[in-house]
Amino acid sequence: MSEDTVVITVRVPKRVKLAMEKAKVNVSKDVRNYLEAKTKSIELHELLPDIFKRAKKRKVHLDSTAIIRYYRDTR
């Protein structure tokens, strides 16, 4: 990893920890992946107002449901 990293500690009930160990869950990897995905989701959500503002300026308006139905029906 080339990025600086920090440690985050999370408390869980003992039964949860034991169940995860029994199932051989890689907690660090799974939590890291979840946090990265959640962060990306938040960042994308913050971009939505700008995306909607730009979309209003577009001259082409399209009903995607009609296109999807057309291609679904032609199969």
N, C-alpha and C. Protein backbone atom coordinates (compact mmCIF):
# COMPACT_ATOMS: atom_id res chain seq x y z
N MET A 1 0.84 -1.19 0.00
CA MET A 1 0.00 0.00 0.00
C MET A 1 0.88 1.24 0.00
N SER A 2 0.61 2.13 -0.91
CA SER A 2 1.39 3.35 -0.97
C SER A 2 0.74 4.48 -0.20
N GLU A 3 -0.52 4.30 0.17
CA GLU A 3 -1.24 5.33 0.92
C GLU A 3 -0.90 5.22 2.40
N ASP A 4 -1.01 6.36 3.09
CA ASP A 4 -0.92 6.31 4.54
C ASP A 4 -2.15 5.60 5.06
N THR A 5 -1.98 4.81 6.09
CA THR A 5 -3.12 4.09 6.64
C THR A 5 -3.28 4.42 8.12
N VAL A 6 -4.47 4.19 8.62
CA VAL A 6 -4.77 4.37 10.05
C VAL A 6 -5.48 3.12 10.53
N VAL A 7 -5.52 2.95 11.83
CA VAL A 7 -6.18 1.80 12.42
C VAL A 7 -7.52 2.25 13.00
N ILE A 8 -8.57 1.48 12.69
CA ILE A 8 -9.90 1.73 13.24
C ILE A 8 -10.25 0.49 14.07
N THR A 9 -10.68 0.70 15.28
CA THR A 9 -11.05 -0.40 16.16
C THR A 9 -12.57 -0.47 16.27
N VAL A 10 -13.09 -1.69 16.19
CA VAL A 10 -14.53 -1.90 16.28
C VAL A 10 -14.79 -2.99 17.32
N ARG A 11 -15.72 -2.71 18.20
CA ARG A 11 -16.10 -3.71 19.21
C ARG A 11 -17.33 -4.47 18.71
N VAL A 12 -17.25 -5.79 18.83
CA VAL A 12 -18.38 -6.65 18.48
C VAL A 12 -18.59 -7.65 19.61
N PRO A 13 -19.79 -8.19 19.72
CA PRO A 13 -20.01 -9.22 20.74
C PRO A 13 -19.09 -10.42 20.50
N LYS A 14 -18.72 -11.08 21.57
CA LYS A 14 -17.79 -12.20 21.48
C LYS A 14 -18.35 -13.29 20.55
N ARG A 15 -19.66 -13.53 20.62
CA ARG A 15 -20.27 -14.57 19.78
C ARG A 15 -20.07 -14.26 18.30
N VAL A 16 -20.09 -12.97 17.95
CA VAL A 16 -19.88 -12.58 16.55
C VAL A 16 -18.45 -12.88 16.14
N LYS A 17 -17.51 -12.53 16.99
CA LYS A 17 -16.10 -12.79 16.69
C LYS A 17 -15.85 -14.29 16.53
N LEU A 18 -16.41 -15.08 17.43
CA LEU A 18 -16.22 -16.53 17.35
C LEU A 18 -16.84 -17.10 16.08
N ALA A 19 -18.02 -16.63 15.73
CA ALA A 19 -18.68 -17.10 14.51
C ALA A 19 -17.87 -16.74 13.27
N MET A 20 -17.30 -15.55 13.27
CA MET A 20 -16.49 -15.12 12.12
C MET A 20 -15.21 -15.94 12.03
N GLU A 21 -14.60 -16.24 13.17
CA GLU A 21 -13.40 -17.08 13.17
C GLU A 21 -13.74 -18.48 12.67
N LYS A 22 -14.87 -19.02 13.12
CA LYS A 22 -15.30 -20.35 12.71
C LYS A 22 -15.52 -20.40 11.19
N ALA A 23 -16.09 -19.34 10.65
CA ALA A 23 -16.37 -19.27 9.21
C ALA A 23 -15.14 -18.83 8.41
N LYS A 24 -14.03 -18.57 9.11
CA LYS A 24 -12.78 -18.13 8.47
C LYS A 24 -12.98 -16.88 7.62
N VAL A 25 -13.69 -15.93 8.19
CA VAL A 25 -13.93 -14.65 7.52
C VAL A 25 -12.70 -13.77 7.68
N ASN A 26 -12.26 -13.16 6.59
CA ASN A 26 -11.15 -12.22 6.65
C ASN A 26 -11.76 -10.84 6.96
N VAL A 27 -11.89 -10.58 8.25
CA VAL A 27 -12.59 -9.39 8.72
C VAL A 27 -11.92 -8.12 8.19
N SER A 28 -10.61 -8.05 8.29
CA SER A 28 -9.91 -6.84 7.85
C SER A 28 -10.21 -6.54 6.39
N LYS A 29 -10.09 -7.56 5.56
CA LYS A 29 -10.33 -7.37 4.13
C LYS A 29 -11.78 -6.98 3.86
N ASP A 30 -12.72 -7.69 4.49
CA ASP A 30 -14.14 -7.41 4.24
C ASP A 30 -14.54 -6.02 4.73
N VAL A 31 -14.07 -5.62 5.90
CA VAL A 31 -14.41 -4.30 6.42
C VAL A 31 -13.75 -3.22 5.57
N ARG A 32 -12.51 -3.44 5.17
CA ARG A 32 -11.81 -2.47 4.32
C ARG A 32 -12.55 -2.29 3.00
N ASN A 33 -12.96 -3.41 2.38
CA ASN A 33 -13.71 -3.34 1.11
C ASN A 33 -15.03 -2.60 1.30
N TYR A 34 -15.73 -2.91 2.40
CA TYR A 34 -17.00 -2.24 2.66
C TYR A 34 -16.80 -0.74 2.82
N LEU A 35 -15.80 -0.35 3.62
CA LEU A 35 -15.57 1.08 3.86
C LEU A 35 -15.17 1.81 2.58
N GLU A 36 -14.37 1.17 1.75
CA GLU A 36 -13.99 1.78 0.48
C GLU A 36 -15.21 1.95 -0.43
N ALA A 37 -16.05 0.92 -0.50
CA ALA A 37 -17.26 1.01 -1.33
C ALA A 37 -18.22 2.06 -0.79
N LYS A 38 -18.37 2.12 0.53
CA LYS A 38 -19.27 3.11 1.14
C LYS A 38 -18.76 4.52 0.86
N THR A 39 -17.44 4.72 0.98
CA THR A 39 -16.85 6.03 0.71
C THR A 39 -17.07 6.44 -0.74
N LYS A 40 -16.88 5.50 -1.66
CA LYS A 40 -17.10 5.79 -3.08
C LYS A 40 -18.56 6.14 -3.33
N SER A 41 -19.48 5.42 -2.69
CA SER A 41 -20.90 5.69 -2.83
C SER A 41 -21.24 7.09 -2.34
N ILE A 42 -20.68 7.47 -1.21
CA ILE A 42 -20.92 8.82 -0.67
C ILE A 42 -20.39 9.88 -1.61
N GLU A 43 -19.18 9.65 -2.14
CA GLU A 43 -18.59 10.62 -3.08
C GLU A 43 -19.45 10.77 -4.33
N LEU A 44 -19.94 9.64 -4.85
CA LEU A 44 -20.79 9.71 -6.04
C LEU A 44 -22.12 10.39 -5.73
N HIS A 45 -22.67 10.12 -4.56
CA HIS A 45 -23.93 10.76 -4.15
C HIS A 45 -23.76 12.28 -4.08
N GLU A 46 -22.60 12.73 -3.63
CA GLU A 46 -22.35 14.17 -3.55
C GLU A 46 -22.24 14.82 -4.92
N LEU A 47 -21.94 14.02 -5.95
CA LEU A 47 -21.84 14.55 -7.31
C LEU A 47 -23.20 14.69 -8.00
N LEU A 48 -24.23 14.04 -7.46
CA LEU A 48 -25.54 14.04 -8.12
C LEU A 48 -26.11 15.42 -8.41
N PRO A 49 -26.08 16.37 -7.46
CA PRO A 49 -26.65 17.69 -7.80
C PRO A 49 -25.99 18.32 -9.03
N ASP A 50 -24.68 18.18 -9.15
CA ASP A 50 -23.98 18.74 -10.31
C ASP A 50 -24.36 18.00 -11.59
N ILE A 51 -24.51 16.69 -11.49
CA ILE A 51 -24.90 15.89 -12.65
C ILE A 51 -26.30 16.28 -13.13
N PHE A 52 -27.24 16.44 -12.18
CA PHE A 52 -28.60 16.84 -12.56
C PHE A 52 -28.62 18.24 -13.16
N LYS A 53 -27.79 19.13 -12.63
CA LYS A 53 -27.73 20.49 -13.16
C LYS A 53 -27.22 20.46 -14.60
N ARG A 54 -26.19 19.64 -14.86
CA ARG A 54 -25.67 19.53 -16.23
C ARG A 54 -26.68 18.87 -17.16
N ALA A 55 -27.43 17.90 -16.63
CA ALA A 55 -28.40 17.18 -17.46
C ALA A 55 -29.51 18.10 -17.95
N LYS A 56 -29.87 19.09 -17.17
CA LYS A 56 -30.92 20.02 -17.59
C LYS A 56 -30.51 20.82 -18.81
N LYS A 57 -29.22 21.01 -19.00
CA LYS A 57 -28.72 21.80 -20.13
C LYS A 57 -28.64 20.99 -21.42
N ARG A 58 -28.80 19.68 -21.33
CA ARG A 58 -28.72 18.84 -22.53
C ARG A 58 -29.90 19.10 -23.44
N LYS A 59 -29.65 19.04 -24.72
CA LYS A 59 -30.70 19.29 -25.69
C LYS A 59 -31.43 18.00 -26.07
N VAL A 60 -30.80 16.86 -25.88
CA VAL A 60 -31.41 15.59 -26.24
C VAL A 60 -32.06 15.00 -25.00
N HIS A 61 -33.35 14.74 -25.11
CA HIS A 61 -34.07 14.10 -24.03
C HIS A 61 -34.53 12.75 -24.53
N LEU A 62 -34.37 11.74 -23.73
CA LEU A 62 -34.59 10.39 -24.18
C LEU A 62 -35.38 9.60 -23.15
N ASP A 63 -36.33 8.83 -23.63
CA ASP A 63 -37.08 7.95 -22.75
C ASP A 63 -36.45 6.56 -22.83
N SER A 64 -35.62 6.25 -21.87
CA SER A 64 -34.88 4.99 -21.92
C SER A 64 -35.80 3.78 -21.77
N THR A 65 -36.93 3.94 -21.11
CA THR A 65 -37.82 2.78 -20.94
C THR A 65 -38.36 2.31 -22.28
N ALA A 66 -38.64 3.22 -23.18
CA ALA A 66 -39.14 2.83 -24.50
C ALA A 66 -38.07 2.05 -25.27
N ILE A 67 -36.84 2.48 -25.17
CA ILE A 67 -35.74 1.79 -25.85
C ILE A 67 -35.53 0.41 -25.27
N ILE A 68 -35.56 0.31 -23.95
CA ILE A 68 -35.38 -0.99 -23.29
C ILE A 68 -36.49 -1.94 -23.68
N ARG A 69 -37.72 -1.47 -23.67
CA ARG A 69 -38.86 -2.31 -24.07
C ARG A 69 -38.71 -2.79 -25.52
N TYR A 70 -38.29 -1.87 -26.39
CA TYR A 70 -38.13 -2.21 -27.80
C TYR A 70 -37.12 -3.36 -27.96
N TYR A 71 -35.94 -3.21 -27.35
CA TYR A 71 -34.92 -4.22 -27.49
C TYR A 71 -35.29 -5.53 -26.76
N ARG A 72 -36.02 -5.43 -25.67
CA ARG A 72 -36.47 -6.62 -24.97
C ARG A 72 -37.47 -7.39 -25.83
N ASP A 73 -38.36 -6.66 -26.50
CA ASP A 73 -39.38 -7.30 -27.33
C ASP A 73 -38.81 -7.88 -28.63
N THR A 74 -37.67 -7.42 -29.08
CA THR A 74 -37.09 -7.92 -30.33
C THR A 74 -36.27 -9.17 -30.12
N ARG A 75 -36.12 -9.62 -28.90
CA ARG A 75 -35.35 -10.87 -28.66
C ARG A 75 -36.11 -12.07 -29.06
